[in-house]
Amino acid sequence: MSSGRSHEPVAFSKVWNLPNILTYGRIAAVPLVAGLLMWGGNGARWLALAIYIVAAITDFLDGYLARLWQQQSALGRMLDPIADKVLVSVVLLVLSADGILFGGHIWAAIIILAREVLVSGLREFLGELQVSVPVTQIAKWKTTVQLIAIGFLIAGPAGDQIVPVVTRLGIIGLWVAAALTLYTGYDYFRAGIRHVVD
């Protein structure tokens, strides 16, 4: 009985430490941002952008704090990439439905979403083989450009009333992110393909 109680605080800290709480918050932000964008109106867009910016900042903070305070956990490693992908995927889908992404520009979103699914599948397969594919510097740049571009697109028409090129800059940034996505996706598959073939 006593040994079971002694492990309880450790288990609790692995679930409810600050890095994990930040990750939970990022997941909770997804329906808020999506709902505000679907609600419509400039005020809703600015509020959605504010929540999105906070969520994007936690993407950096949770991993940094986990390493700094040595609070890394299997739960955090699992949820962190899921939170990132859900946030990006849902917002891109809503922006496409909203008409901010239109015509051929939707292909930029398709490229990004397809890559996320394919790389996630590859990582899951390689994980079963206990093979790790490290995140490259270019992949980190891709994530940064992608997050900034989506922020511009969330501002969209509301931002255009202040600076007329906000939506255009967001679309350009998304295409840059899509190009980096293709490169990093190829890089991941090149690194993992020999294990898949074996």
C-alpha atoms as a PDB file:
ATOM      1  CA  MET A   1       0.000   0.000   0.000  1.00  0.00           C
ATOM      2  CA  SER A   2       2.730   2.444   0.979  1.00  0.00           C
ATOM      3  CA  SER A   3       4.688   1.891  -2.255  1.00  0.00           C
ATOM      4  CA  GLY A   4       1.574   2.686  -4.310  1.00  0.00           C
ATOM      5  CA  ARG A   5       1.107   5.998  -2.513  1.00  0.00           C
ATOM      6  CA  SER A   6       4.770   6.915  -2.898  1.00  0.00           C
ATOM      7  CA  HIS A   7       4.484   6.731  -6.688  1.00  0.00           C
ATOM      8  CA  GLU A   8       1.312   8.806  -6.877  1.00  0.00           C
ATOM      9  CA  PRO A   9       2.964  12.295  -6.725  1.00  0.00           C
ATOM     10  CA  VAL A  10       5.414  11.286  -9.457  1.00  0.00           C
ATOM     11  CA  ALA A  11       2.614  10.110 -11.745  1.00  0.00           C
ATOM     12  CA  PHE A  12       0.611  13.255 -10.985  1.00  0.00           C
ATOM     13  CA  SER A  13       3.558  15.517 -11.841  1.00  0.00           C
ATOM     14  CA  LYS A  14       4.066  13.758 -15.160  1.00  0.00           C
ATOM     15  CA  VAL A  15       0.461  14.441 -16.137  1.00  0.00           C
ATOM     16  CA  TRP A  16      -0.093  17.900 -14.643  1.00  0.00           C
ATOM     17  CA  ASN A  17       3.293  19.588 -14.889  1.00  0.00           C
ATOM     18  CA  LEU A  18       3.364  23.038 -16.544  1.00  0.00           C
ATOM     19  CA  PRO A  19       4.731  21.905 -19.944  1.00  0.00           C
ATOM     20  CA  ASN A  20       1.901  19.386 -20.290  1.00  0.00           C
ATOM     21  CA  ILE A  21      -0.683  21.934 -19.118  1.00  0.00           C
ATOM     22  CA  LEU A  22       0.522  24.282 -21.882  1.00  0.00           C
ATOM     23  CA  THR A  23       0.038  21.458 -24.385  1.00  0.00           C
ATOM     24  CA  TYR A  24      -3.481  20.794 -23.061  1.00  0.00           C
ATOM     25  CA  GLY A  25      -4.191  24.508 -23.463  1.00  0.00           C
ATOM     26  CA  ARG A  26      -3.049  24.415 -27.089  1.00  0.00           C
ATOM     27  CA  ILE A  27      -5.445  21.564 -27.791  1.00  0.00           C
ATOM     28  CA  ALA A  28      -8.271  23.446 -26.037  1.00  0.00           C
ATOM     29  CA  ALA A  29      -7.520  26.520 -28.168  1.00  0.00           C
ATOM     30  CA  VAL A  30      -8.331  24.669 -31.397  1.00  0.00           C
ATOM     31  CA  PRO A  31     -12.161  24.701 -31.117  1.00  0.00           C
ATOM     32  CA  LEU A  32     -12.056  28.275 -29.808  1.00  0.00           C
ATOM     33  CA  VAL A  33     -10.087  29.563 -32.808  1.00  0.00           C
ATOM     34  CA  ALA A  34     -12.183  27.532 -35.259  1.00  0.00           C
ATOM     35  CA  GLY A  35     -15.463  28.622 -33.661  1.00  0.00           C
ATOM     36  CA  LEU A  36     -14.520  32.307 -33.718  1.00  0.00           C
ATOM     37  CA  LEU A  37     -13.499  32.127 -37.379  1.00  0.00           C
ATOM     38  CA  MET A  38     -16.790  30.433 -38.272  1.00  0.00           C
ATOM     39  CA  TRP A  39     -18.667  33.003 -36.190  1.00  0.00           C
ATOM     40  CA  GLY A  40     -17.301  35.727 -38.450  1.00  0.00           C
ATOM     41  CA  GLY A  41     -16.780  39.431 -38.009  1.00  0.00           C
ATOM     42  CA  ASN A  42     -13.642  41.477 -37.413  1.00  0.00           C
ATOM     43  CA  GLY A  43     -13.876  41.289 -33.629  1.00  0.00           C
ATOM     44  CA  ALA A  44     -14.090  37.503 -33.711  1.00  0.00           C
ATOM     45  CA  ARG A  45     -11.093  37.362 -36.068  1.00  0.00           C
ATOM     46  CA  TRP A  46      -8.927  39.501 -33.802  1.00  0.00           C
ATOM     47  CA  LEU A  47      -9.885  37.384 -30.788  1.00  0.00           C
ATOM     48  CA  ALA A  48      -9.167  34.198 -32.752  1.00  0.00           C
ATOM     49  CA  LEU A  49      -5.771  35.628 -33.715  1.00  0.00           C
ATOM     50  CA  ALA A  50      -4.960  36.478 -30.083  1.00  0.00           C
ATOM     51  CA  ILE A  51      -5.805  32.945 -28.929  1.00  0.00           C
ATOM     52  CA  TYR A  52      -3.856  31.484 -31.853  1.00  0.00           C
ATOM     53  CA  ILE A  53      -0.752  33.555 -31.015  1.00  0.00           C
ATOM     54  CA  VAL A  54      -0.855  32.373 -27.394  1.00  0.00           C
ATOM     55  CA  ALA A  55      -1.253  28.770 -28.593  1.00  0.00           C
ATOM     56  CA  ALA A  56       1.667  29.168 -31.028  1.00  0.00           C
ATOM     57  CA  ILE A  57       3.881  30.564 -28.243  1.00  0.00           C
ATOM     58  CA  THR A  58       3.082  27.551 -26.049  1.00  0.00           C
ATOM     59  CA  ASP A  59       4.365  25.367 -28.898  1.00  0.00           C
ATOM     60  CA  PHE A  60       7.832  26.727 -28.115  1.00  0.00           C
ATOM     61  CA  LEU A  61       7.421  27.063 -24.366  1.00  0.00           C
ATOM     62  CA  ASP A  62       6.217  23.569 -23.491  1.00  0.00           C
ATOM     63  CA  GLY A  63       9.234  21.806 -24.974  1.00  0.00           C
ATOM     64  CA  TYR A  64      11.663  24.437 -23.677  1.00  0.00           C
ATOM     65  CA  LEU A  65      10.303  24.280 -20.116  1.00  0.00           C
ATOM     66  CA  ALA A  66      10.169  20.483 -20.160  1.00  0.00           C
ATOM     67  CA  ARG A  67      13.877  20.363 -21.011  1.00  0.00           C
ATOM     68  CA  LEU A  68      14.796  23.199 -18.641  1.00  0.00           C
ATOM     69  CA  TRP A  69      12.988  21.689 -15.647  1.00  0.00           C
ATOM     70  CA  GLN A  70      13.625  18.078 -16.672  1.00  0.00           C
ATOM     71  CA  GLN A  71       9.886  17.412 -16.823  1.00  0.00           C
ATOM     72  CA  GLN A  72       9.898  15.508 -20.089  1.00  0.00           C
ATOM     73  CA  SER A  73       7.399  12.657 -20.184  1.00  0.00           C
ATOM     74  CA  ALA A  74       6.056  10.082 -22.617  1.00  0.00           C
ATOM     75  CA  LEU A  75       2.650  11.798 -22.431  1.00  0.00           C
ATOM     76  CA  GLY A  76       4.164  15.149 -23.361  1.00  0.00           C
ATOM     77  CA  ARG A  77       6.164  13.663 -26.237  1.00  0.00           C
ATOM     78  CA  MET A  78       2.991  12.054 -27.566  1.00  0.00           C
ATOM     79  CA  LEU A  79       0.644  15.038 -27.164  1.00  0.00           C
ATOM     80  CA  ASP A  80       2.973  17.840 -28.326  1.00  0.00           C
ATOM     81  CA  PRO A  81       3.086  16.898 -32.044  1.00  0.00           C
ATOM     82  CA  ILE A  82      -0.601  15.962 -31.951  1.00  0.00           C
ATOM     83  CA  ALA A  83      -1.502  19.407 -30.595  1.00  0.00           C
ATOM     84  CA  ASP A  84       0.586  21.097 -33.300  1.00  0.00           C
ATOM     85  CA  LYS A  85      -0.943  19.103 -36.127  1.00  0.00           C
ATOM     86  CA  VAL A  86      -4.527  19.473 -34.888  1.00  0.00           C
ATOM     87  CA  LEU A  87      -4.138  23.248 -34.518  1.00  0.00           C
ATOM     88  CA  VAL A  88      -2.665  23.715 -38.004  1.00  0.00           C
ATOM     89  CA  SER A  89      -4.997  21.231 -39.723  1.00  0.00           C
ATOM     90  CA  VAL A  90      -8.246  22.521 -38.243  1.00  0.00           C
ATOM     91  CA  VAL A  91      -7.400  26.185 -38.864  1.00  0.00           C
ATOM     92  CA  LEU A  92      -6.403  25.484 -42.483  1.00  0.00           C
ATOM     93  CA  LEU A  93      -9.669  23.606 -43.060  1.00  0.00           C
ATOM     94  CA  VAL A  94     -11.719  26.450 -41.574  1.00  0.00           C
ATOM     95  CA  LEU A  95      -9.818  29.057 -43.607  1.00  0.00           C
ATOM     96  CA  SER A  96     -10.511  27.048 -46.766  1.00  0.00           C
ATOM     97  CA  ALA A  97     -14.204  26.790 -45.931  1.00  0.00           C
ATOM     98  CA  ASP A  98     -14.234  30.503 -45.083  1.00  0.00           C
ATOM     99  CA  GLY A  99     -12.924  31.401 -48.550  1.00  0.00           C
ATOM    100  CA  ILE A 100      -9.717  33.003 -47.274  1.00  0.00           C
ATOM    101  CA  LEU A 101      -7.903  30.207 -49.065  1.00  0.00           C
ATOM    102  CA  PHE A 102      -9.477  29.922 -52.498  1.00  0.00           C
ATOM    103  CA  GLY A 103      -8.817  28.426 -55.919  1.00  0.00           C
ATOM    104  CA  GLY A 104      -5.329  27.069 -56.430  1.00  0.00           C
ATOM    105  CA  HIS A 105      -4.179  28.387 -53.055  1.00  0.00           C
ATOM    106  CA  ILE A 106      -6.047  25.520 -51.402  1.00  0.00           C
ATOM    107  CA  TRP A 107      -3.314  23.268 -52.787  1.00  0.00           C
ATOM    108  CA  ALA A 108      -0.832  24.836 -50.383  1.00  0.00           C
ATOM    109  CA  ALA A 109      -3.038  23.659 -47.514  1.00  0.00           C
ATOM    110  CA  ILE A 110      -3.451  20.223 -49.114  1.00  0.00           C
ATOM    111  CA  ILE A 111       0.330  19.818 -49.439  1.00  0.00           C
ATOM    112  CA  ILE A 112       0.840  20.732 -45.784  1.00  0.00           C
ATOM    113  CA  LEU A 113      -1.941  18.462 -44.525  1.00  0.00           C
ATOM    114  CA  ALA A 114      -0.883  15.519 -46.703  1.00  0.00           C
ATOM    115  CA  ARG A 115       2.710  15.797 -45.523  1.00  0.00           C
ATOM    116  CA  GLU A 116       1.632  15.842 -41.868  1.00  0.00           C
ATOM    117  CA  VAL A 117      -0.370  12.641 -42.330  1.00  0.00           C
ATOM    118  CA  LEU A 118       2.376  10.859 -44.290  1.00  0.00           C
ATOM    119  CA  VAL A 119       5.205  11.842 -41.937  1.00  0.00           C
ATOM    120  CA  SER A 120       3.091  10.933 -38.885  1.00  0.00           C
ATOM    121  CA  GLY A 121       2.475   7.498 -40.404  1.00  0.00           C
ATOM    122  CA  LEU A 122       6.173   7.059 -41.131  1.00  0.00           C
ATOM    123  CA  ARG A 123       7.155   8.143 -37.607  1.00  0.00           C
ATOM    124  CA  GLU A 124       4.643   5.713 -36.084  1.00  0.00           C
ATOM    125  CA  PHE A 125       6.009   2.866 -38.193  1.00  0.00           C
ATOM    126  CA  LEU A 126       9.633   3.710 -37.390  1.00  0.00           C
ATOM    127  CA  GLY A 127       8.725   4.096 -33.716  1.00  0.00           C
ATOM    128  CA  GLU A 128       7.663   0.454 -33.666  1.00  0.00           C
ATOM    129  CA  LEU A 129      11.130  -0.377 -35.010  1.00  0.00           C
ATOM    130  CA  GLN A 130      12.662   1.882 -32.336  1.00  0.00           C
ATOM    131  CA  VAL A 131      14.124   4.106 -35.044  1.00  0.00           C
ATOM    132  CA  SER A 132      14.148   7.860 -34.415  1.00  0.00           C
ATOM    133  CA  VAL A 133      14.118  10.436 -37.214  1.00  0.00           C
ATOM    134  CA  PRO A 134      15.405  13.735 -35.774  1.00  0.00           C
ATOM    135  CA  VAL A 135      13.751  17.059 -36.567  1.00  0.00           C
ATOM    136  CA  THR A 136      15.927  19.055 -38.962  1.00  0.00           C
ATOM    137  CA  GLN A 137      16.621  22.781 -38.827  1.00  0.00           C
ATOM    138  CA  ILE A 138      14.703  23.291 -42.085  1.00  0.00           C
ATOM    139  CA  ALA A 139      11.691  21.542 -40.543  1.00  0.00           C
ATOM    140  CA  LYS A 140      11.835  24.040 -37.680  1.00  0.00           C
ATOM    141  CA  TRP A 141      11.940  26.913 -40.190  1.00  0.00           C
ATOM    142  CA  LYS A 142       8.971  25.370 -41.984  1.00  0.00           C
ATOM    143  CA  THR A 143       6.990  25.268 -38.757  1.00  0.00           C
ATOM    144  CA  THR A 144       7.845  28.903 -37.980  1.00  0.00           C
ATOM    145  CA  VAL A 145       6.907  30.165 -41.463  1.00  0.00           C
ATOM    146  CA  GLN A 146       3.736  28.078 -41.383  1.00  0.00           C
ATOM    147  CA  LEU A 147       2.595  29.428 -38.012  1.00  0.00           C
ATOM    148  CA  ILE A 148       3.263  33.043 -39.044  1.00  0.00           C
ATOM    149  CA  ALA A 149       1.480  32.610 -42.387  1.00  0.00           C
ATOM    150  CA  ILE A 150      -1.587  31.104 -40.718  1.00  0.00           C
ATOM    151  CA  GLY A 151      -1.611  34.022 -38.278  1.00  0.00           C
ATOM    152  CA  PHE A 152      -1.799  36.472 -41.195  1.00  0.00           C
ATOM    153  CA  LEU A 153      -4.606  34.428 -42.763  1.00  0.00           C
ATOM    154  CA  ILE A 154      -6.574  34.373 -39.505  1.00  0.00           C
ATOM    155  CA  ALA A 155      -6.405  38.184 -39.433  1.00  0.00           C
ATOM    156  CA  GLY A 156      -7.527  38.088 -43.079  1.00  0.00           C
ATOM    157  CA  PRO A 157     -10.103  40.726 -44.026  1.00  0.00           C
ATOM    158  CA  ALA A 158      -9.859  42.379 -40.607  1.00  0.00           C
ATOM    159  CA  GLY A 159      -6.125  42.843 -41.113  1.00  0.00           C
ATOM    160  CA  ASP A 160      -6.604  44.025 -44.701  1.00  0.00           C
ATOM    161  CA  GLN A 161      -8.586  46.998 -43.412  1.00  0.00           C
ATOM    162  CA  ILE A 162      -5.439  48.158 -41.609  1.00  0.00           C
ATOM    163  CA  VAL A 163      -2.739  46.906 -44.008  1.00  0.00           C
ATOM    164  CA  PRO A 164      -4.261  45.910 -47.382  1.00  0.00           C
ATOM    165  CA  VAL A 165      -1.736  43.116 -48.063  1.00  0.00           C
ATOM    166  CA  VAL A 166      -2.220  41.041 -44.879  1.00  0.00           C
ATOM    167  CA  THR A 167      -4.130  38.209 -46.578  1.00  0.00           C
ATOM    168  CA  ARG A 168      -1.756  38.252 -49.551  1.00  0.00           C
ATOM    169  CA  LEU A 169       1.259  37.974 -47.256  1.00  0.00           C
ATOM    170  CA  GLY A 170      -0.408  35.056 -45.494  1.00  0.00           C
ATOM    171  CA  ILE A 171      -0.983  33.238 -48.793  1.00  0.00           C
ATOM    172  CA  ILE A 172       2.614  33.857 -49.922  1.00  0.00           C
ATOM    173  CA  GLY A 173       3.900  32.615 -46.570  1.00  0.00           C
ATOM    174  CA  LEU A 174       1.729  29.508 -46.808  1.00  0.00           C
ATOM    175  CA  TRP A 175       3.193  28.682 -50.230  1.00  0.00           C
ATOM    176  CA  VAL A 176       6.709  29.125 -48.827  1.00  0.00           C
ATOM    177  CA  ALA A 177       5.749  26.770 -45.991  1.00  0.00           C
ATOM    178  CA  ALA A 178       4.302  24.315 -48.553  1.00  0.00           C
ATOM    179  CA  ALA A 179       7.578  24.342 -50.506  1.00  0.00           C
ATOM    180  CA  LEU A 180       9.564  23.704 -47.321  1.00  0.00           C
ATOM    181  CA  THR A 181       7.006  21.024 -46.455  1.00  0.00           C
ATOM    182  CA  LEU A 182       7.721  19.164 -49.698  1.00  0.00           C
ATOM    183  CA  TYR A 183      11.451  19.321 -49.075  1.00  0.00           C
ATOM    184  CA  THR A 184      11.307  18.212 -45.448  1.00  0.00           C
ATOM    185  CA  GLY A 185       8.776  15.506 -46.296  1.00  0.00           C
ATOM    186  CA  TYR A 186      11.177  14.138 -48.915  1.00  0.00           C
ATOM    187  CA  ASP A 187      14.010  14.418 -46.397  1.00  0.00           C
ATOM    188  CA  TYR A 188      12.102  12.391 -43.793  1.00  0.00           C
ATOM    189  CA  PHE A 189      11.175   9.679 -46.290  1.00  0.00           C
ATOM    190  CA  ARG A 190      14.730   9.497 -47.624  1.00  0.00           C
ATOM    191  CA  ALA A 191      15.979   9.015 -44.049  1.00  0.00           C
ATOM    192  CA  GLY A 192      13.340   6.385 -43.210  1.00  0.00           C
ATOM    193  CA  ILE A 193      12.795   4.556 -46.482  1.00  0.00           C
ATOM    194  CA  ARG A 194      15.575   2.003 -45.939  1.00  0.00           C
ATOM    195  CA  HIS A 195      13.935   0.916 -42.698  1.00  0.00           C
ATOM    196  CA  VAL A 196      10.561   0.630 -44.465  1.00  0.00           C
ATOM    197  CA  VAL A 197      12.110  -1.509 -47.231  1.00  0.00           C
ATOM    198  CA  ASP A 198      13.929  -3.718 -44.705  1.00  0.00           C
END
